[in-house]
Structures are given as C-alpha cells and as structure tokens.
Amino acid sequence: GTVRAVVSVCDSVNYMTEPEDLREVFRLVNNYLDPGGIFL
C-alpha cells in the first residue's frame, strides 16, 4: 500500500548510475506515497 513518507540516506540514490534508472526509482516513490506524501 502507500506510505506517508519515503526516506533514503547515505547516498543510496547515487548507485543509480543511469539517469533513467533513477527516474524510475522516483516514479515508484511517487506511486507509493500517500497524497501529499514526502520524499526525503
């Protein structure tokens, strides 16, 4: 289901070496956030 917030620390997103992969991560985050939810 959805969550109120998503956090990702210690440069985990830098492991996405292809921008298209990072965009997909961001798309999934948006998909699983509650309306108005926060991604930090």
PDB file of all heavy atoms in Angstrom:
ATOM      1  N   GLY A   1       0.846  -1.188   0.000  1.00  0.00           N
ATOM      2  CA  GLY A   1       0.000   0.000   0.000  1.00  0.00           C
ATOM      3  C   GLY A   1       0.882   1.237   0.000  1.00  0.00           C
ATOM      4  O   GLY A   1       2.100   1.151  -0.170  1.00  0.00           O
ATOM      5  N   THR A   2       0.283   2.391   0.191  1.00  0.00           N
ATOM      6  CA  THR A   2       1.036   3.639   0.185  1.00  0.00           C
ATOM      7  C   THR A   2       1.583   3.954   1.573  1.00  0.00           C
ATOM      8  O   THR A   2       1.157   3.377   2.575  1.00  0.00           O
ATOM      9  CB  THR A   2       0.161   4.808  -0.298  1.00  0.00           C
ATOM     10  OG1 THR A   2      -1.001   4.908   0.535  1.00  0.00           O
ATOM     11  CG2 THR A   2      -0.267   4.587  -1.743  1.00  0.00           C
ATOM     12  N   VAL A   3       2.543   4.879   1.606  1.00  0.00           N
ATOM     13  CA  VAL A   3       3.189   5.282   2.858  1.00  0.00           C
ATOM     14  C   VAL A   3       3.152   6.800   2.958  1.00  0.00           C
ATOM     15  O   VAL A   3       3.018   7.506   1.953  1.00  0.00           O
ATOM     16  CB  VAL A   3       4.647   4.782   2.919  1.00  0.00           C
ATOM     17  CG1 VAL A   3       4.685   3.257   2.878  1.00  0.00           C
ATOM     18  CG2 VAL A   3       5.477   5.357   1.773  1.00  0.00           C
ATOM     19  N   ARG A   4       3.316   7.299   4.175  1.00  0.00           N
ATOM     20  CA  ARG A   4       3.256   8.748   4.371  1.00  0.00           C
ATOM     21  C   ARG A   4       4.532   9.434   3.890  1.00  0.00           C
ATOM     22  O   ARG A   4       4.497  10.588   3.474  1.00  0.00           O
ATOM     23  CB  ARG A   4       3.029   9.079   5.844  1.00  0.00           C
ATOM     24  CG  ARG A   4       1.694   8.571   6.391  1.00  0.00           C
ATOM     25  CD  ARG A   4       1.289   9.349   7.626  1.00  0.00           C
ATOM     26  NE  ARG A   4       0.939  10.714   7.300  1.00  0.00           N
ATOM     27  CZ  ARG A   4       0.735  11.675   8.215  1.00  0.00           C
ATOM     28  NH1 ARG A   4       0.873  11.394   9.505  1.00  0.00           N
ATOM     29  NH2 ARG A   4       0.424  12.899   7.849  1.00  0.00           N
ATOM     30  N   ALA A   5       5.646   8.726   3.990  1.00  0.00           N
ATOM     31  CA  ALA A   5       6.914   9.322   3.567  1.00  0.00           C
ATOM     32  C   ALA A   5       7.878   8.230   3.139  1.00  0.00           C
ATOM     33  O   ALA A   5       7.773   7.073   3.565  1.00  0.00           O
ATOM     34  CB  ALA A   5       7.529  10.150   4.696  1.00  0.00           C
ATOM     35  N   VAL A   6       8.827   8.608   2.302  1.00  0.00           N
ATOM     36  CA  VAL A   6       9.940   7.748   1.910  1.00  0.00           C
ATOM     37  C   VAL A   6      11.220   8.505   2.217  1.00  0.00           C
ATOM     38  O   VAL A   6      11.340   9.694   1.892  1.00  0.00           O
ATOM     39  CB  VAL A   6       9.892   7.395   0.410  1.00  0.00           C
ATOM     40  CG1 VAL A   6      11.113   6.561   0.019  1.00  0.00           C
ATOM     41  CG2 VAL A   6       8.607   6.645   0.075  1.00  0.00           C
ATOM     42  N   VAL A   7      12.167   7.829   2.852  1.00  0.00           N
ATOM     43  CA  VAL A   7      13.478   8.427   3.094  1.00  0.00           C
ATOM     44  C   VAL A   7      14.540   7.524   2.475  1.00  0.00           C
ATOM     45  O   VAL A   7      14.357   6.314   2.359  1.00  0.00           O
ATOM     46  CB  VAL A   7      13.756   8.638   4.601  1.00  0.00           C
ATOM     47  CG1 VAL A   7      12.699   9.535   5.228  1.00  0.00           C
ATOM     48  CG2 VAL A   7      13.836   7.313   5.340  1.00  0.00           C
ATOM     49  N   SER A   8      15.647   8.126   2.077  1.00  0.00           N
ATOM     50  CA  SER A   8      16.766   7.363   1.522  1.00  0.00           C
ATOM     51  C   SER A   8      18.043   8.134   1.832  1.00  0.00           C
ATOM     52  O   SER A   8      18.230   9.252   1.342  1.00  0.00           O
ATOM     53  CB  SER A   8      16.598   7.180   0.012  1.00  0.00           C
ATOM     54  OG  SER A   8      17.612   6.338  -0.505  1.00  0.00           O
ATOM     55  N   VAL A   9      18.907   7.557   2.671  1.00  0.00           N
ATOM     56  CA  VAL A   9      20.085   8.285   3.139  1.00  0.00           C
ATOM     57  C   VAL A   9      21.371   7.554   2.746  1.00  0.00           C
ATOM     58  O   VAL A   9      21.337   6.470   2.181  1.00  0.00           O
ATOM     59  CB  VAL A   9      20.035   8.487   4.667  1.00  0.00           C
ATOM     60  CG1 VAL A   9      18.824   9.324   5.062  1.00  0.00           C
ATOM     61  CG2 VAL A   9      20.034   7.158   5.397  1.00  0.00           C
ATOM     62  N   CYS A  10      22.496   8.191   3.078  1.00  0.00           N
ATOM     63  CA  CYS A  10      23.833   7.634   2.799  1.00  0.00           C
ATOM     64  C   CYS A  10      24.035   7.376   1.307  1.00  0.00           C
ATOM     65  O   CYS A  10      24.508   6.319   0.904  1.00  0.00           O
ATOM     66  CB  CYS A  10      24.087   6.380   3.625  1.00  0.00           C
ATOM     67  SG  CYS A  10      24.272   6.711   5.390  1.00  0.00           S
ATOM     68  N   ASP A  11      23.621   8.346   0.491  1.00  0.00           N
ATOM     69  CA  ASP A  11      23.846   8.357  -0.964  1.00  0.00           C
ATOM     70  C   ASP A  11      23.395   7.095  -1.690  1.00  0.00           C
ATOM     71  O   ASP A  11      24.002   6.695  -2.689  1.00  0.00           O
ATOM     72  CB  ASP A  11      25.304   8.688  -1.315  1.00  0.00           C
ATOM     73  CG  ASP A  11      26.359   7.914  -0.544  1.00  0.00           C
ATOM     74  OD1 ASP A  11      26.652   6.780  -0.951  1.00  0.00           O
ATOM     75  OD2 ASP A  11      26.878   8.435   0.446  1.00  0.00           O
ATOM     76  N   SER A  12      22.326   6.483  -1.205  1.00  0.00           N
ATOM     77  CA  SER A  12      21.819   5.282  -1.887  1.00  0.00           C
ATOM     78  C   SER A  12      21.445   5.574  -3.339  1.00  0.00           C
ATOM     79  O   SER A  12      21.661   4.736  -4.220  1.00  0.00           O
ATOM     80  CB  SER A  12      20.603   4.726  -1.140  1.00  0.00           C
ATOM     81  OG  SER A  12      20.971   4.211   0.118  1.00  0.00           O
ATOM     82  N   VAL A  13      20.891   6.772  -3.597  1.00  0.00           N
ATOM     83  CA  VAL A  13      20.438   7.071  -4.956  1.00  0.00           C
ATOM     84  C   VAL A  13      21.608   7.199  -5.924  1.00  0.00           C
ATOM     85  O   VAL A  13      21.427   7.061  -7.139  1.00  0.00           O
ATOM     86  CB  VAL A  13      19.566   8.346  -5.006  1.00  0.00           C
ATOM     87  CG1 VAL A  13      18.340   8.198  -4.108  1.00  0.00           C
ATOM     88  CG2 VAL A  13      20.358   9.581  -4.645  1.00  0.00           C
ATOM     89  N   ASN A  14      22.815   7.463  -5.414  1.00  0.00           N
ATOM     90  CA  ASN A  14      23.971   7.571  -6.302  1.00  0.00           C
ATOM     91  C   ASN A  14      24.322   6.243  -6.966  1.00  0.00           C
ATOM     92  O   ASN A  14      25.057   6.210  -7.957  1.00  0.00           O
ATOM     93  CB  ASN A  14      25.196   8.097  -5.556  1.00  0.00           C
ATOM     94  CG  ASN A  14      25.083   9.561  -5.186  1.00  0.00           C
ATOM     95  OD1 ASN A  14      24.785   9.878  -4.037  1.00  0.00           O
ATOM     96  ND2 ASN A  14      25.302  10.448  -6.147  1.00  0.00           N
ATOM     97  N   TYR A  15      23.811   5.137  -6.403  1.00  0.00           N
ATOM     98  CA  TYR A  15      24.051   3.835  -7.033  1.00  0.00           C
ATOM     99  C   TYR A  15      23.259   3.686  -8.331  1.00  0.00           C
ATOM    100  O   TYR A  15      23.487   2.737  -9.074  1.00  0.00           O
ATOM    101  CB  TYR A  15      23.717   2.702  -6.065  1.00  0.00           C
ATOM    102  CG  TYR A  15      24.831   2.415  -5.093  1.00  0.00           C
ATOM    103  CD1 TYR A  15      24.814   2.935  -3.808  1.00  0.00           C
ATOM    104  CD2 TYR A  15      25.927   1.638  -5.470  1.00  0.00           C
ATOM    105  CE1 TYR A  15      25.848   2.704  -2.914  1.00  0.00           C
ATOM    106  CE2 TYR A  15      26.960   1.392  -4.590  1.00  0.00           C
ATOM    107  CZ  TYR A  15      26.921   1.931  -3.319  1.00  0.00           C
ATOM    108  OH  TYR A  15      27.958   1.687  -2.446  1.00  0.00           O
ATOM    109  N   MET A  16      22.342   4.595  -8.583  1.00  0.00           N
ATOM    110  CA  MET A  16      21.635   4.605  -9.855  1.00  0.00           C
ATOM    111  C   MET A  16      22.542   5.307 -10.867  1.00  0.00           C
ATOM    112  O   MET A  16      22.534   6.531 -11.002  1.00  0.00           O
ATOM    113  CB  MET A  16      20.296   5.342  -9.736  1.00  0.00           C
ATOM    114  CG  MET A  16      19.329   4.749  -8.720  1.00  0.00           C
ATOM    115  SD  MET A  16      18.788   3.078  -9.146  1.00  0.00           S
ATOM    116  CE  MET A  16      19.793   2.118  -8.014  1.00  0.00           C
ATOM    117  N   THR A  17      23.360   4.536 -11.564  1.00  0.00           N
ATOM    118  CA  THR A  17      24.349   5.128 -12.459  1.00  0.00           C
ATOM    119  C   THR A  17      23.761   5.572 -13.794  1.00  0.00           C
ATOM    120  O   THR A  17      24.420   6.288 -14.544  1.00  0.00           O
ATOM    121  CB  THR A  17      25.510   4.140 -12.713  1.00  0.00           C
ATOM    122  OG1 THR A  17      24.986   2.916 -13.235  1.00  0.00           O
ATOM    123  CG2 THR A  17      26.259   3.852 -11.410  1.00  0.00           C
ATOM    124  N   GLU A  18      22.540   5.142 -14.084  1.00  0.00           N
ATOM    125  CA  GLU A  18      21.841   5.600 -15.279  1.00  0.00           C
ATOM    126  C   GLU A  18      20.692   6.512 -14.857  1.00  0.00           C
ATOM    127  O   GLU A  18      19.855   6.111 -14.037  1.00  0.00           O
ATOM    128  CB  GLU A  18      21.293   4.425 -16.083  1.00  0.00           C
ATOM    129  CG  GLU A  18      22.355   3.496 -16.648  1.00  0.00           C
ATOM    130  CD  GLU A  18      23.234   4.183 -17.679  1.00  0.00           C
ATOM    131  OE1 GLU A  18      22.756   5.146 -18.327  1.00  0.00           O
ATOM    132  OE2 GLU A  18      24.380   3.756 -17.844  1.00  0.00           O
ATOM    133  N   PRO A  19      20.627   7.737 -15.379  1.00  0.00           N
ATOM    134  CA  PRO A  19      19.541   8.641 -15.012  1.00  0.00           C
ATOM    135  C   PRO A  19      18.152   8.033 -15.195  1.00  0.00           C
ATOM    136  O   PRO A  19      17.235   8.309 -14.417  1.00  0.00           O
ATOM    137  CB  PRO A  19      19.751   9.847 -15.940  1.00  0.00           C
ATOM    138  CG  PRO A  19      21.226   9.834 -16.214  1.00  0.00           C
ATOM    139  CD  PRO A  19      21.597   8.372 -16.288  1.00  0.00           C
ATOM    140  N   GLU A  20      17.992   7.180 -16.220  1.00  0.00           N
ATOM    141  CA  GLU A  20      16.690   6.555 -16.456  1.00  0.00           C
ATOM    142  C   GLU A  20      16.301   5.646 -15.291  1.00  0.00           C
ATOM    143  O   GLU A  20      15.125   5.546 -14.928  1.00  0.00           O
ATOM    144  CB  GLU A  20      16.722   5.737 -17.754  1.00  0.00           C
ATOM    145  CG  GLU A  20      16.880   6.562 -19.021  1.00  0.00           C
ATOM    146  CD  GLU A  20      18.311   7.040 -19.248  1.00  0.00           C
ATOM    147  OE1 GLU A  20      19.218   6.533 -18.538  1.00  0.00           O
ATOM    148  OE2 GLU A  20      18.524   7.914 -20.098  1.00  0.00           O
ATOM    149  N   ASP A  21      17.294   4.985 -14.681  1.00  0.00           N
ATOM    150  CA  ASP A  21      17.010   4.144 -13.518  1.00  0.00           C
ATOM    151  C   ASP A  21      16.600   4.990 -12.325  1.00  0.00           C
ATOM    152  O   ASP A  21      15.689   4.626 -11.573  1.00  0.00           O
ATOM    153  CB  ASP A  21      18.245   3.303 -13.154  1.00  0.00           C
ATOM    154  CG  ASP A  21      18.478   2.154 -14.114  1.00  0.00           C
ATOM    155  OD1 ASP A  21      17.528   1.788 -14.848  1.00  0.00           O
ATOM    156  OD2 ASP A  21      19.600   1.618 -14.141  1.00  0.00           O
ATOM    157  N   LEU A  22      17.269   6.117 -12.136  1.00  0.00           N
ATOM    158  CA  LEU A  22      16.909   6.985 -11.011  1.00  0.00           C
ATOM    159  C   LEU A  22      15.521   7.577 -11.221  1.00  0.00           C
ATOM    160  O   LEU A  22      14.736   7.698 -10.281  1.00  0.00           O
ATOM    161  CB  LEU A  22      17.943   8.102 -10.853  1.00  0.00           C
ATOM    162  CG  LEU A  22      17.754   9.008  -9.624  1.00  0.00           C
ATOM    163  CD1 LEU A  22      17.660   8.194  -8.341  1.00  0.00           C
ATOM    164  CD2 LEU A  22      18.881  10.027  -9.535  1.00  0.00           C
ATOM    165  N   ARG A  23      15.196   7.919 -12.465  1.00  0.00           N
ATOM    166  CA  ARG A  23      13.850   8.412 -12.758  1.00  0.00           C
ATOM    167  C   ARG A  23      12.801   7.356 -12.409  1.00  0.00           C
ATOM    168  O   ARG A  23      11.743   7.672 -11.863  1.00  0.00           O
ATOM    169  CB  ARG A  23      13.728   8.799 -14.232  1.00  0.00           C
ATOM    170  CG  ARG A  23      12.339   9.358 -14.600  1.00  0.00           C
ATOM    171  CD  ARG A  23      12.209   9.628 -16.083  1.00  0.00           C
ATOM    172  NE  ARG A  23      13.069  10.718 -16.504  1.00  0.00           N
ATOM    173  CZ  ARG A  23      14.156  10.576 -17.244  1.00  0.00           C
ATOM    174  NH1 ARG A  23      14.527   9.357 -17.642  1.00  0.00           N
ATOM    175  NH2 ARG A  23      14.870  11.618 -17.591  1.00  0.00           N
ATOM    176  N   GLU A  24      13.098   6.084 -12.685  1.00  0.00           N
ATOM    177  CA  GLU A  24      12.163   5.014 -12.362  1.00  0.00           C
ATOM    178  C   GLU A  24      12.007   4.870 -10.840  1.00  0.00           C
ATOM    179  O   GLU A  24      10.902   4.639 -10.341  1.00  0.00           O
ATOM    180  CB  GLU A  24      12.635   3.698 -12.972  1.00  0.00           C
ATOM    181  CG  GLU A  24      11.753   2.489 -12.666  1.00  0.00           C
ATOM    182  CD  GLU A  24      10.326   2.619 -13.174  1.00  0.00           C
ATOM    183  OE1 GLU A  24      10.048   3.522 -14.003  1.00  0.00           O
ATOM    184  OE2 GLU A  24       9.477   1.811 -12.749  1.00  0.00           O
ATOM    185  N   VAL A  25      13.106   5.003 -10.106  1.00  0.00           N
ATOM    186  CA  VAL A  25      13.013   4.985  -8.638  1.00  0.00           C
ATOM    187  C   VAL A  25      12.095   6.113  -8.171  1.00  0.00           C
ATOM    188  O   VAL A  25      11.197   5.906  -7.337  1.00  0.00           O
ATOM    189  CB  VAL A  25      14.404   5.136  -7.995  1.00  0.00           C
ATOM    190  CG1 VAL A  25      14.284   5.308  -6.474  1.00  0.00           C
ATOM    191  CG2 VAL A  25      15.272   3.924  -8.308  1.00  0.00           C
ATOM    192  N   PHE A  26      12.304   7.314  -8.702  1.00  0.00           N
ATOM    193  CA  PHE A  26      11.474   8.456  -8.321  1.00  0.00           C
ATOM    194  C   PHE A  26      10.003   8.219  -8.683  1.00  0.00           C
ATOM    195  O   PHE A  26       9.092   8.582  -7.938  1.00  0.00           O
ATOM    196  CB  PHE A  26      11.973   9.731  -9.003  1.00  0.00           C
ATOM    197  CG  PHE A  26      13.288  10.248  -8.477  1.00  0.00           C
ATOM    198  CD1 PHE A  26      13.990  11.232  -9.170  1.00  0.00           C
ATOM    199  CD2 PHE A  26      13.832   9.759  -7.298  1.00  0.00           C
ATOM    200  CE1 PHE A  26      15.198  11.727  -8.688  1.00  0.00           C
ATOM    201  CE2 PHE A  26      15.045  10.235  -6.802  1.00  0.00           C
ATOM    202  CZ  PHE A  26      15.720  11.226  -7.500  1.00  0.00           C
ATOM    203  N   ARG A  27       9.768   7.604  -9.843  1.00  0.00           N
ATOM    204  CA  ARG A  27       8.384   7.335 -10.260  1.00  0.00           C
ATOM    205  C   ARG A  27       7.711   6.366  -9.293  1.00  0.00           C
ATOM    206  O   ARG A  27       6.544   6.552  -8.917  1.00  0.00           O
ATOM    207  CB  ARG A  27       8.374   6.759 -11.675  1.00  0.00           C
ATOM    208  CG  ARG A  27       6.977   6.597 -12.276  1.00  0.00           C
ATOM    209  CD  ARG A  27       6.992   5.762 -13.538  1.00  0.00           C
ATOM    210  NE  ARG A  27       7.305   4.368 -13.260  1.00  0.00           N
ATOM    211  CZ  ARG A  27       6.418   3.480 -12.795  1.00  0.00           C
ATOM    212  NH1 ARG A  27       5.159   3.841 -12.543  1.00  0.00           N
ATOM    213  NH2 ARG A  27       6.775   2.221 -12.576  1.00  0.00           N
ATOM    214  N   LEU A  28       8.437   5.334  -8.898  1.00  0.00           N
ATOM    215  CA  LEU A  28       7.885   4.370  -7.945  1.00  0.00           C
ATOM    216  C   LEU A  28       7.624   5.018  -6.594  1.00  0.00           C
ATOM    217  O   LEU A  28       6.614   4.728  -5.936  1.00  0.00           O
ATOM    218  CB  LEU A  28       8.844   3.184  -7.794  1.00  0.00           C
ATOM    219  CG  LEU A  28       8.927   2.230  -8.983  1.00  0.00           C
ATOM    220  CD1 LEU A  28      10.077   1.242  -8.802  1.00  0.00           C
ATOM    221  CD2 LEU A  28       7.612   1.476  -9.170  1.00  0.00           C
ATOM    222  N   VAL A  29       8.534   5.880  -6.168  1.00  0.00           N
ATOM    223  CA  VAL A  29       8.331   6.594  -4.904  1.00  0.00           C
ATOM    224  C   VAL A  29       7.030   7.395  -4.970  1.00  0.00           C
ATOM    225  O   VAL A  29       6.197   7.346  -4.055  1.00  0.00           O
ATOM    226  CB  VAL A  29       9.525   7.517  -4.601  1.00  0.00           C
ATOM    227  CG1 VAL A  29       9.175   8.501  -3.480  1.00  0.00           C
ATOM    228  CG2 VAL A  29      10.745   6.700  -4.205  1.00  0.00           C
ATOM    229  N   ASN A  30       6.841   8.137  -6.052  1.00  0.00           N
ATOM    230  CA  ASN A  30       5.619   8.923  -6.201  1.00  0.00           C
ATOM    231  C   ASN A  30       4.386   8.031  -6.181  1.00  0.00           C
ATOM    232  O   ASN A  30       3.357   8.365  -5.588  1.00  0.00           O
ATOM    233  CB  ASN A  30       5.674   9.725  -7.503  1.00  0.00           C
ATOM    234  CG  ASN A  30       4.522  10.708  -7.629  1.00  0.00           C
ATOM    235  OD1 ASN A  30       4.407  11.640  -6.842  1.00  0.00           O
ATOM    236  ND2 ASN A  30       3.668  10.503  -8.629  1.00  0.00           N
ATOM    237  N   ASN A  31       4.509   6.856  -6.809  1.00  0.00           N
ATOM    238  CA  ASN A  31       3.390   5.924  -6.882  1.00  0.00           C
ATOM    239  C   ASN A  31       2.978   5.393  -5.516  1.00  0.00           C
ATOM    240  O   ASN A  31       1.790   5.167  -5.256  1.00  0.00           O
ATOM    241  CB  ASN A  31       3.756   4.756  -7.795  1.00  0.00           C
ATOM    242  CG  ASN A  31       2.615   3.782  -8.000  1.00  0.00           C
ATOM    243  OD1 ASN A  31       1.565   4.150  -8.519  1.00  0.00           O
ATOM    244  ND2 ASN A  31       2.805   2.535  -7.590  1.00  0.00           N
ATOM    245  N   TYR A  32       3.963   5.184  -4.620  1.00  0.00           N
ATOM    246  CA  TYR A  32       3.669   4.579  -3.323  1.00  0.00           C
ATOM    247  C   TYR A  32       3.531   5.587  -2.184  1.00  0.00           C
ATOM    248  O   TYR A  32       3.365   5.190  -1.032  1.00  0.00           O
ATOM    249  CB  TYR A  32       4.749   3.549  -2.976  1.00  0.00           C
ATOM    250  CG  TYR A  32       4.600   2.265  -3.759  1.00  0.00           C
ATOM    251  CD1 TYR A  32       5.521   1.923  -4.747  1.00  0.00           C
ATOM    252  CD2 TYR A  32       3.526   1.406  -3.529  1.00  0.00           C
ATOM    253  CE1 TYR A  32       5.386   0.750  -5.478  1.00  0.00           C
ATOM    254  CE2 TYR A  32       3.391   0.233  -4.252  1.00  0.00           C
ATOM    255  CZ  TYR A  32       4.327  -0.092  -5.228  1.00  0.00           C
ATOM    256  OH  TYR A  32       4.171  -1.250  -5.941  1.00  0.00           O
ATOM    257  N   LEU A  33       3.581   6.883  -2.498  1.00  0.00           N
ATOM    258  CA  LEU A  33       3.364   7.889  -1.468  1.00  0.00           C
ATOM    259  C   LEU A  33       1.874   8.202  -1.321  1.00  0.00           C
ATOM    260  O   LEU A  33       1.135   8.242  -2.311  1.00  0.00           O
ATOM    261  CB  LEU A  33       4.099   9.180  -1.812  1.00  0.00           C
ATOM    262  CG  LEU A  33       5.605   9.247  -1.488  1.00  0.00           C
ATOM    263  CD1 LEU A  33       6.213  10.516  -2.065  1.00  0.00           C
ATOM    264  CD2 LEU A  33       5.839   9.183   0.019  1.00  0.00           C
ATOM    265  N   ASP A  34       1.448   8.439  -0.088  1.00  0.00           N
ATOM    266  CA  ASP A  34       0.111   8.974   0.152  1.00  0.00           C
ATOM    267  C   ASP A  34      -0.025  10.307  -0.575  1.00  0.00           C
ATOM    268  O   ASP A  34       0.981  10.986  -0.850  1.00  0.00           O
ATOM    269  CB  ASP A  34      -0.116   9.221   1.652  1.00  0.00           C
ATOM    270  CG  ASP A  34      -0.285   7.937   2.447  1.00  0.00           C
ATOM    271  OD1 ASP A  34      -0.516   6.871   1.830  1.00  0.00           O
ATOM    272  OD2 ASP A  34      -0.182   7.993   3.689  1.00  0.00           O
ATOM    273  N   PRO A  35      -1.252  10.736  -0.877  1.00  0.00           N
ATOM    274  CA  PRO A  35      -1.433  12.075  -1.459  1.00  0.00           C
ATOM    275  C   PRO A  35      -0.770  13.135  -0.583  1.00  0.00           C
ATOM    276  O   PRO A  35      -0.998  13.199   0.626  1.00  0.00           O
ATOM    277  CB  PRO A  35      -2.960  12.239  -1.476  1.00  0.00           C
ATOM    278  CG  PRO A  35      -3.476  10.829  -1.597  1.00  0.00           C
ATOM    279  CD  PRO A  35      -2.522   9.993  -0.785  1.00  0.00           C
ATOM    280  N   GLY A  36       0.097  13.924  -1.183  1.00  0.00           N
ATOM    281  CA  GLY A  36       0.821  14.940  -0.433  1.00  0.00           C
ATOM    282  C   GLY A  36       1.969  14.394   0.389  1.00  0.00           C
ATOM    283  O   GLY A  36       2.582  15.128   1.182  1.00  0.00           O
ATOM    284  N   GLY A  37       2.298  13.106   0.205  1.00  0.00           N
ATOM    285  CA  GLY A  37       3.393  12.496   0.954  1.00  0.00           C
ATOM    286  C   GLY A  37       4.745  13.080   0.578  1.00  0.00           C
ATOM    287  O   GLY A  37       4.905  13.722  -0.464  1.00  0.00           O
ATOM    288  N   ILE A  38       5.746  12.843   1.435  1.00  0.00           N
ATOM    289  CA  ILE A  38       7.056  13.472   1.290  1.00  0.00           C
ATOM    290  C   ILE A  38       8.141  12.434   1.009  1.00  0.00           C
ATOM    291  O   ILE A  38       8.157  11.354   1.595  1.00  0.00           O
ATOM    292  CB  ILE A  38       7.407  14.267   2.568  1.00  0.00           C
ATOM    293  CG1 ILE A  38       6.463  15.460   2.726  1.00  0.00           C
ATOM    294  CG2 ILE A  38       8.850  14.746   2.557  1.00  0.00           C
ATOM    295  CD1 ILE A  38       6.540  16.466   1.579  1.00  0.00           C
ATOM    296  N   PHE A  39       9.026  12.806   0.117  1.00  0.00           N
ATOM    297  CA  PHE A  39      10.214  12.010  -0.191  1.00  0.00           C
ATOM    298  C   PHE A  39      11.430  12.822   0.220  1.00  0.00           C
ATOM    299  O   PHE A  39      11.653  13.930  -0.271  1.00  0.00           O
ATOM    300  CB  PHE A  39      10.253  11.700  -1.689  1.00  0.00           C
ATOM    301  CG  PHE A  39      11.447  10.884  -2.135  1.00  0.00           C
ATOM    302  CD1 PHE A  39      12.058   9.957  -1.305  1.00  0.00           C
ATOM    303  CD2 PHE A  39      11.953  11.036  -3.423  1.00  0.00           C
ATOM    304  CE1 PHE A  39      13.153   9.200  -1.731  1.00  0.00           C
ATOM    305  CE2 PHE A  39      13.041  10.286  -3.872  1.00  0.00           C
ATOM    306  CZ  PHE A  39      13.638   9.369  -3.013  1.00  0.00           C
ATOM    307  N   LEU A  40      12.218  12.287   1.144  1.00  0.00           N
ATOM    308  CA  LEU A  40      13.417  12.962   1.638  1.00  0.00           C
ATOM    309  C   LEU A  40      14.621  12.058   1.382  1.00  0.00           C
ATOM    310  O   LEU A  40      14.633  10.910   1.809  1.00  0.00           O
ATOM    311  CB  LEU A  40      13.269  13.269   3.132  1.00  0.00           C
ATOM    312  CG  LEU A  40      14.372  14.088   3.816  1.00  0.00           C
ATOM    313  CD1 LEU A  40      13.793  14.840   5.019  1.00  0.00           C
ATOM    314  CD2 LEU A  40      15.537  13.215   4.264  1.00  0.00           C
TER     315      LEU A  40
END
